Protein backbone atom coordinates (compact mmCIF):
# COMPACT_ATOMS: atom_id res chain seq x y z
CA MET A 1 105.46 110.31 90.16
CA LYS A 2 107.29 108.77 93.15
CA ARG A 3 107.96 105.12 93.92
CA ARG A 4 105.81 105.18 97.11
CA HIS A 5 102.81 105.32 94.71
CA PHE A 6 103.43 101.98 93.64
CA VAL A 7 104.52 100.23 96.77
CA LYS A 8 101.87 99.51 99.37
CA THR A 9 104.06 99.61 102.61
CA ALA A 10 103.54 100.38 106.24
CA ALA A 11 101.35 103.33 105.55
CA VAL A 12 98.74 101.13 104.03
CA SER A 13 99.20 97.59 105.60
CA GLY A 14 101.21 98.25 108.70
CA VAL A 15 103.41 95.86 110.71
CA ALA A 16 100.26 94.14 111.81
CA ALA A 17 99.78 92.91 108.24
CA VAL A 18 102.66 90.61 108.41
CA PHE A 19 101.08 88.23 111.09
CA PRO A 20 97.30 88.71 110.67
CA GLY A 21 94.54 86.21 111.59
CA MET A 22 96.61 83.00 111.47
CA ALA A 23 93.75 80.58 110.86
CA GLY A 24 92.58 82.44 107.80
CA LEU A 25 96.05 82.37 106.21
CA ALA A 26 96.29 78.58 106.95
CA ALA A 27 93.06 77.95 105.25
CA GLU A 28 93.94 79.85 102.16
CA THR A 29 97.24 78.05 101.77
CA VAL A 30 97.10 74.90 99.58
CA ALA A 31 97.33 71.67 101.43
CA SER A 32 100.62 70.66 99.73
CA SER A 33 102.38 73.64 100.92
CA ALA A 34 105.53 73.09 102.97
CA ALA A 35 105.16 76.36 104.80
CA VAL A 36 104.48 76.35 108.52
CA SER A 37 102.56 79.01 110.43
CA VAL A 38 104.41 81.34 112.76
CA GLU A 39 102.21 79.80 115.51
CA GLN A 40 104.10 76.56 115.14
CA LEU A 41 107.54 78.15 115.88
CA PRO A 42 109.42 78.39 119.10
CA PRO A 43 109.78 81.83 120.65
CA LEU A 44 112.93 83.73 120.15
CA SER A 45 114.93 84.85 123.07
CA GLY A 46 118.43 86.34 123.14
CA GLU A 47 120.49 88.73 121.24
CA LEU A 48 121.02 88.71 117.46
CA THR A 49 122.80 91.16 115.09
CA LEU A 50 121.27 91.25 111.66
CA TYR A 51 123.06 92.82 108.64
CA LEU A 52 120.24 93.99 106.40
CA GLY A 53 120.86 94.91 102.72
CA ARG A 54 118.65 97.89 101.67
CA GLY A 55 115.51 97.17 99.58
CA GLU A 56 111.83 96.83 99.09
CA GLY A 57 110.69 100.16 100.45
CA GLY A 58 110.40 99.27 104.14
CA LEU A 59 108.65 95.97 103.69
CA TYR A 60 111.53 93.95 105.08
CA GLU A 61 111.58 96.35 107.97
CA ASN A 62 107.85 95.61 108.58
CA VAL A 63 108.64 91.96 108.69
CA LEU A 64 111.33 92.40 111.16
CA GLN A 65 109.26 94.74 113.47
CA ALA A 66 106.56 92.00 113.38
CA ILE A 67 109.03 89.33 114.50
CA GLU A 68 110.26 91.68 117.31
CA ASN A 69 106.71 92.43 118.42
CA ARG A 70 105.95 88.72 118.59
CA ASN A 71 109.10 87.98 120.46
CA PRO A 72 109.60 90.51 123.26
CA ASP A 73 112.56 88.53 124.64
CA LEU A 74 114.49 89.01 121.33
CA ASN A 75 116.99 91.84 121.31
CA LEU A 76 117.59 92.30 117.60
CA SER A 77 120.36 94.87 116.55
CA ILE A 78 120.06 95.88 112.73
CA ARG A 79 122.88 97.29 110.71
CA ARG A 80 121.61 98.55 107.39
CA GLY A 81 123.49 99.34 104.12
CA PRO A 82 123.87 98.38 100.51
CA THR A 83 123.98 94.66 100.17
CA ALA A 84 127.49 94.42 98.52
CA ALA A 85 129.02 96.78 101.06
CA LEU A 86 127.64 94.69 103.97
CA ALA A 87 129.01 91.53 102.40
CA ASN A 88 132.43 93.08 102.07
CA ALA A 89 132.15 94.35 105.66
CA ILE A 90 131.43 90.75 106.92
CA VAL A 91 134.42 89.37 105.10
CA ALA A 92 136.69 92.18 106.29
CA GLU A 93 135.58 91.81 109.87
CA ALA A 94 136.34 88.05 109.81
CA GLU A 95 139.79 88.65 108.42
CA ALA A 96 140.35 91.05 111.30
CA GLY A 97 139.25 88.38 113.84
CA ILE A 98 135.88 90.05 114.47
CA ARG A 99 132.31 88.67 114.15
CA ARG A 100 129.61 91.20 114.54
CA ALA A 101 126.86 89.80 112.48
CA ASP A 102 124.88 86.72 113.37
CA LEU A 103 122.66 86.97 110.31
CA PHE A 104 123.06 88.52 106.84
CA TRP A 105 119.85 89.26 104.85
CA ALA A 106 120.84 90.12 101.40
CA VAL A 107 118.65 91.44 98.46
CA ASP A 108 120.92 89.73 95.93
CA SER A 109 122.30 86.23 95.88
CA GLY A 110 125.61 87.35 94.57
CA ALA A 111 126.45 88.96 97.88
CA ILE A 112 125.45 85.62 99.59
CA GLY A 113 127.90 83.90 97.50
CA LEU A 114 130.71 86.30 98.54
CA VAL A 115 130.21 85.47 102.22
CA ALA A 116 129.73 81.83 101.64
CA ASP A 117 132.95 81.44 99.63
CA ALA A 118 134.69 82.95 102.61
CA GLY A 119 133.54 79.99 104.81
CA LEU A 120 131.78 82.11 107.31
CA VAL A 121 128.36 80.52 107.31
CA GLN A 122 126.57 77.82 109.32
CA THR A 123 125.09 74.79 107.55
CA LEU A 124 121.28 74.86 107.79
CA PRO A 125 119.30 71.89 109.07
CA ASN A 126 117.58 69.63 106.42
CA ASP A 127 114.04 70.32 107.83
CA LEU A 128 114.60 74.01 107.16
CA THR A 129 115.83 73.79 103.57
CA ALA A 130 113.28 71.13 102.74
CA GLN A 131 110.49 73.77 102.96
CA LEU A 132 111.95 75.46 99.86
CA GLN A 133 111.11 74.67 96.26
CA PRO A 134 113.67 72.00 95.08
CA THR A 135 115.62 74.30 92.84
CA PHE A 136 116.19 76.86 95.68
CA ARG A 137 117.60 74.45 98.26
CA TYR A 138 121.08 75.45 99.53
CA SER A 139 122.96 73.96 102.42
CA HIS A 140 124.40 77.37 103.63
CA TRP A 141 121.67 79.94 102.94
CA ALA A 142 117.94 80.19 102.61
CA PRO A 143 116.37 82.04 99.69
CA ILE A 144 113.42 84.12 100.92
CA THR A 145 111.73 85.43 97.82
CA GLY A 146 112.47 85.39 94.18
CA ARG A 147 112.48 87.85 91.32
CA ILE A 148 112.56 87.15 87.45
CA ARG A 149 114.25 89.21 84.93
CA THR A 150 111.83 90.45 82.33
CA LEU A 151 111.40 92.69 79.34
CA PRO A 152 108.60 94.98 80.07
CA PHE A 153 107.09 96.47 76.93
CA ASN A 154 104.73 99.31 75.90
CA THR A 155 101.39 97.80 74.91
CA ALA A 156 100.23 100.76 72.92
CA GLU A 157 103.29 100.44 70.61
CA LEU A 158 104.03 96.74 70.57
CA THR A 159 102.30 93.39 70.54
CA PRO A 160 103.91 90.50 72.50
CA GLY A 161 105.16 88.92 69.10
CA ARG A 162 107.24 91.95 68.57
CA VAL A 163 109.26 91.43 71.81
CA PRO A 164 112.36 89.30 71.34
CA ASP A 165 112.12 85.88 73.10
CA ALA A 166 115.98 85.67 73.21
CA ILE A 167 118.05 88.19 75.06
CA MET A 168 120.67 88.04 72.35
CA GLU A 169 118.23 89.28 69.77
CA VAL A 170 117.58 92.53 71.41
CA PRO A 171 120.32 94.56 69.61
CA ASP A 172 118.89 93.44 66.17
CA SER A 173 115.21 94.17 67.21
CA GLY A 174 115.28 97.86 66.29
CA LEU A 175 113.40 98.74 69.47
CA ARG A 176 114.25 101.56 71.71
CA VAL A 177 115.59 100.19 74.98
CA GLY A 178 115.60 101.45 78.60
CA TRP A 179 118.00 100.15 81.11
CA ALA A 180 119.71 100.98 84.45
CA PRO A 181 123.33 99.80 84.16
CA ALA A 182 124.45 101.10 87.63
CA TYR A 183 121.59 99.09 89.36
CA ALA A 184 122.66 95.90 91.21
CA ALA A 185 119.96 93.61 89.66
CA PHE A 186 121.13 94.70 86.13
CA GLN A 187 124.68 93.94 86.98
CA SER A 188 123.70 90.47 88.32
CA PHE A 189 121.84 89.93 85.07
CA VAL A 190 125.05 90.84 83.11
CA THR A 191 127.11 88.48 85.34
CA ALA A 192 124.66 85.59 84.44
CA MET A 193 125.06 86.51 80.70
CA ARG A 194 128.77 86.67 80.98
CA LEU A 195 128.83 83.18 82.69
CA LEU A 196 126.44 81.64 80.17
CA GLU A 197 127.48 83.35 76.94
CA GLY A 198 131.06 84.27 77.48
CA ARG A 199 132.87 87.59 77.98
CA GLN A 200 133.17 88.48 74.31
CA ALA A 201 129.58 87.74 73.42
CA THR A 202 128.42 89.80 76.44
CA ALA A 203 130.76 92.77 75.52
CA ASP A 204 129.37 92.68 72.01
CA TRP A 205 125.85 92.59 73.37
CA LEU A 206 126.43 95.56 75.77
CA GLN A 207 127.95 97.72 72.99
CA ARG A 208 125.23 97.02 70.44
CA THR A 209 122.31 97.43 72.90
CA GLY A 210 123.87 100.48 74.32
CA SER A 211 123.80 102.15 70.91
CA ASN A 212 120.08 102.25 71.18
CA ALA A 213 119.46 102.39 74.93
CA ARG A 214 118.49 105.18 77.36
CA ASP A 215 119.90 105.14 80.81
CA TYR A 216 117.79 105.40 84.03
CA ALA A 217 118.77 105.51 87.67
CA GLY A 218 116.73 102.39 88.67
CA GLU A 219 114.55 99.75 87.21
CA LEU A 220 111.25 101.39 88.45
CA GLY A 221 112.38 104.25 86.35
CA VAL A 222 112.78 101.92 83.42
CA VAL A 223 109.27 100.53 83.75
CA MET A 224 107.80 103.98 84.02
CA ALA A 225 109.67 105.08 80.95
CA VAL A 226 108.32 102.12 79.04
CA GLU A 227 104.84 102.99 80.25
CA ARG A 228 105.19 106.57 79.00
CA GLY A 229 106.46 105.43 75.64
CA GLU A 230 109.96 107.01 76.05
CA VAL A 231 111.28 103.49 75.11
CA ASP A 232 109.68 100.42 73.62
CA ILE A 233 111.07 97.91 75.98
CA GLY A 234 113.18 97.60 79.16
CA PHE A 235 115.14 95.38 81.36
CA ALA A 236 113.78 94.99 84.86
CA ASN A 237 112.83 92.60 87.69
CA HIS A 238 109.10 91.52 87.34
CA TYR A 239 107.74 93.13 90.48
CA TYR A 240 108.27 96.77 89.12
CA THR A 241 105.67 96.13 86.49
CA LEU A 242 103.34 94.44 88.68
CA ARG A 243 103.52 97.21 91.29
CA LEU A 244 102.88 99.93 88.64
CA LYS A 245 99.97 97.90 87.28
CA ALA A 246 98.62 97.45 90.75
CA GLY A 247 98.48 101.33 91.27
CA ASN A 248 97.28 101.95 87.69
CA PRO A 249 95.59 98.97 86.15
CA ASP A 250 95.33 100.82 82.82
CA ALA A 251 99.15 101.45 82.57
CA LYS A 252 100.29 100.68 78.98
CA VAL A 253 102.91 98.16 80.05
CA ALA A 254 103.06 94.31 80.29
CA LEU A 255 105.53 91.65 81.10
CA SER A 256 107.52 89.52 78.48
CA PHE A 257 109.99 86.77 79.08
CA THR A 258 112.93 85.44 77.14
CA ARG A 259 113.65 81.75 77.38
CA ASN A 260 116.66 79.70 78.63
CA ASP A 261 118.98 82.63 78.87
CA ALA A 262 120.01 85.45 81.31
CA GLY A 263 117.08 87.58 80.20
CA CYS A 264 114.70 85.41 82.51
CA LEU A 265 117.14 84.74 85.29
CA VAL A 266 115.40 84.04 88.54
CA ASN A 267 117.41 85.62 91.27
CA ALA A 268 116.59 85.67 94.97
CA SER A 269 116.94 87.56 98.23
CA GLY A 270 118.32 85.34 100.83
CA ILE A 271 119.57 84.98 104.53
CA MET A 272 122.41 83.07 106.01
CA ALA A 273 123.37 82.32 109.64
CA LEU A 274 126.96 83.29 110.55
CA GLY A 275 128.76 81.22 113.32
CA ASN A 276 126.88 78.61 115.41
CA GLY A 277 123.75 78.55 117.51
CA GLU A 278 120.03 77.72 117.18
CA LEU A 279 118.85 81.21 117.59
CA ALA A 280 119.95 82.61 114.29
CA VAL A 281 118.51 79.47 112.59
CA ASN A 282 115.20 79.84 114.37
CA PHE A 283 115.01 83.37 113.24
CA ILE A 284 115.41 82.25 109.70
CA ARG A 285 112.43 79.87 110.18
CA TYR A 286 110.14 82.90 110.83
CA LEU A 287 111.12 84.34 107.31
CA LEU A 288 109.96 81.07 105.82
CA THR A 289 106.56 81.11 107.41
CA ARG A 290 103.45 81.24 105.27
CA GLU A 291 102.60 84.63 106.84
CA VAL A 292 105.82 86.31 105.91
CA GLN A 293 105.94 84.66 102.54
CA ASN A 294 102.37 85.65 101.71
CA TYR A 295 103.02 89.20 102.96
CA LEU A 296 106.03 89.69 100.64
CA SER A 297 104.05 88.09 97.79
CA THR A 298 101.08 90.36 98.40
CA GLU A 299 102.76 93.71 99.22
CA ALA A 300 106.08 93.47 97.37
CA TYR A 301 104.98 91.15 94.48
CA GLU A 302 107.92 89.03 95.15
CA ILE A 303 107.87 85.25 94.52
CA PRO A 304 107.53 82.93 97.57
CA LEU A 305 110.07 80.32 97.44
CA VAL A 306 108.59 78.05 100.18
CA ASP A 307 107.10 75.14 98.19
CA GLY A 308 103.24 75.26 97.52
CA LEU A 309 102.54 78.90 98.05
CA ALA A 310 100.67 81.10 95.58
CA LEU A 311 102.44 83.48 93.28
CA PRO A 312 101.84 87.24 93.23
CA SER A 313 98.94 88.52 91.47
CA GLY A 314 99.66 89.25 87.74
CA LEU A 315 102.56 86.81 87.35
CA PRO A 316 102.08 83.85 85.04
CA ASP A 317 102.69 80.23 86.24
CA LEU A 318 106.35 79.75 86.57
CA LYS A 319 106.01 76.48 84.50
CA THR A 320 105.57 78.71 81.55
CA VAL A 321 108.88 80.45 82.25
CA ALA A 322 112.24 78.88 81.22
CA PRO A 323 115.04 80.37 83.26
CA PRO A 324 118.65 79.41 82.67
CA ASP A 325 120.16 76.67 84.89
CA ILE A 326 122.84 78.50 87.04
CA ASP A 327 123.96 78.33 90.57
CA LEU A 328 122.97 81.74 91.94
CA THR A 329 125.99 81.98 94.21
CA ARG A 330 128.20 82.19 91.15
CA LEU A 331 126.71 85.71 90.68
CA ALA A 332 129.14 86.82 93.39
CA ASP A 333 131.81 86.84 90.68
CA LEU A 334 130.85 90.47 90.05
CA ARG A 335 134.26 92.19 89.57
CA PRO A 336 134.86 90.87 86.05
CA THR A 337 131.37 92.07 85.05
CA LEU A 338 132.06 95.71 86.41
CA ASP A 339 135.38 95.69 84.63
CA LEU A 340 133.64 94.60 81.34
CA MET A 341 130.88 97.20 81.57
CA ARG A 342 133.50 99.90 82.15
CA ASP A 343 135.62 98.67 79.32
CA VAL A 344 132.74 98.98 76.89
CA GLY A 345 131.68 102.24 78.24
CA VAL A 346 128.27 101.52 79.86
CA LEU A 347 129.41 102.39 83.34
C-alpha cells in the first residue's frame, strides 16, 4: 500500500483548500488565537527565490501555489531538494560571494541551525515572532509546524502500559522494534539523545536497540510495519500514525509518548529570510496565517505553532506531553551523530 493512500493532498483538497471561505475559518478559530487571516495581510509584489526542502507529499506545494494565486504580482522561483543539501548549498554560495536564495523553508530545524550559524539570516520583527507559541519564538527563523517523536505500538499485541515511557528503557523491554536509521527525522532524534544523554550512552542505546530492531526506508514504513504486527513498537513522528488512522480507523496502531527525553522531542519545520527587505518577511507572514496553519493541521496532521490554534485530530493535548528542553537549532550538529551511527554499525 502506497503513501498516497494516507495523505490527503491536492487530488482531494486542491490548492483552493488552503484559502477557503475566510469568514468561516475565522469563526472556528478560538478568540485567543494570535493567528491573523490572509485577508489582513498586504499583497506580495516582486521577485523572490525560495529554497524548499522536500517533504509532506505536495502539501507545501499547495500552500505555495495558493499564495501565488492570491498574489499575481509575485514572481516566486523555487529550488527544491533535500533540506540538508539546500542548507549546505546556501552556505557554500555565501562563501563564494553569491546569494541566490531569499527564503529557506526547511522541513527540519537542524538545517535551519546550520544556515543561522553562518550568519546569513535576517532578524524577524517582534510582531511576527509574537504570533508563535512562547517556546517556539526565535529571532532569526519562524517555526511553521511541529511534529512529536512517538512510539507507535501494535494495539493487538500490547496495552499502553507495556510501552516504555522512557526512551532509554527500550533496549530492555524485550519488544520487537522498527526504525529507519537513514531517515532525517530519526537522525535528529539521535542528535537530541546525544546532546541530552551523552555520546557513550547514545552509542550503547543504538547498539542494544539495534540488536532487536528491523530497518525500514522511512517512518511511514515503520508505522505500517507496526500495524501489520511485523514489530511491536517503532520510532516515528506523530503524523504518520494519524494519517494511517485517518485512512483506516480500524488500524491496529496507536501513539505512545516517552517523557522528558529525546523520545518525545518536538521538532519543527521552519522558514528564514536571507538578506534584507520586507518582501521575504511578508511572505513568511502568509505561512503563519490561520488558513495555512489550519490547512497543514487538517491535511498533514502537523501541529500549528501559531498560538491558540487547534491541534490535529487524534493528537492529545500537548499539556500531557513532556518534551525535553532543548534549543532546536542545536540539532544542526549532525556530523557527530552520523559518525556515531556509522561507528556502531546502524548506518
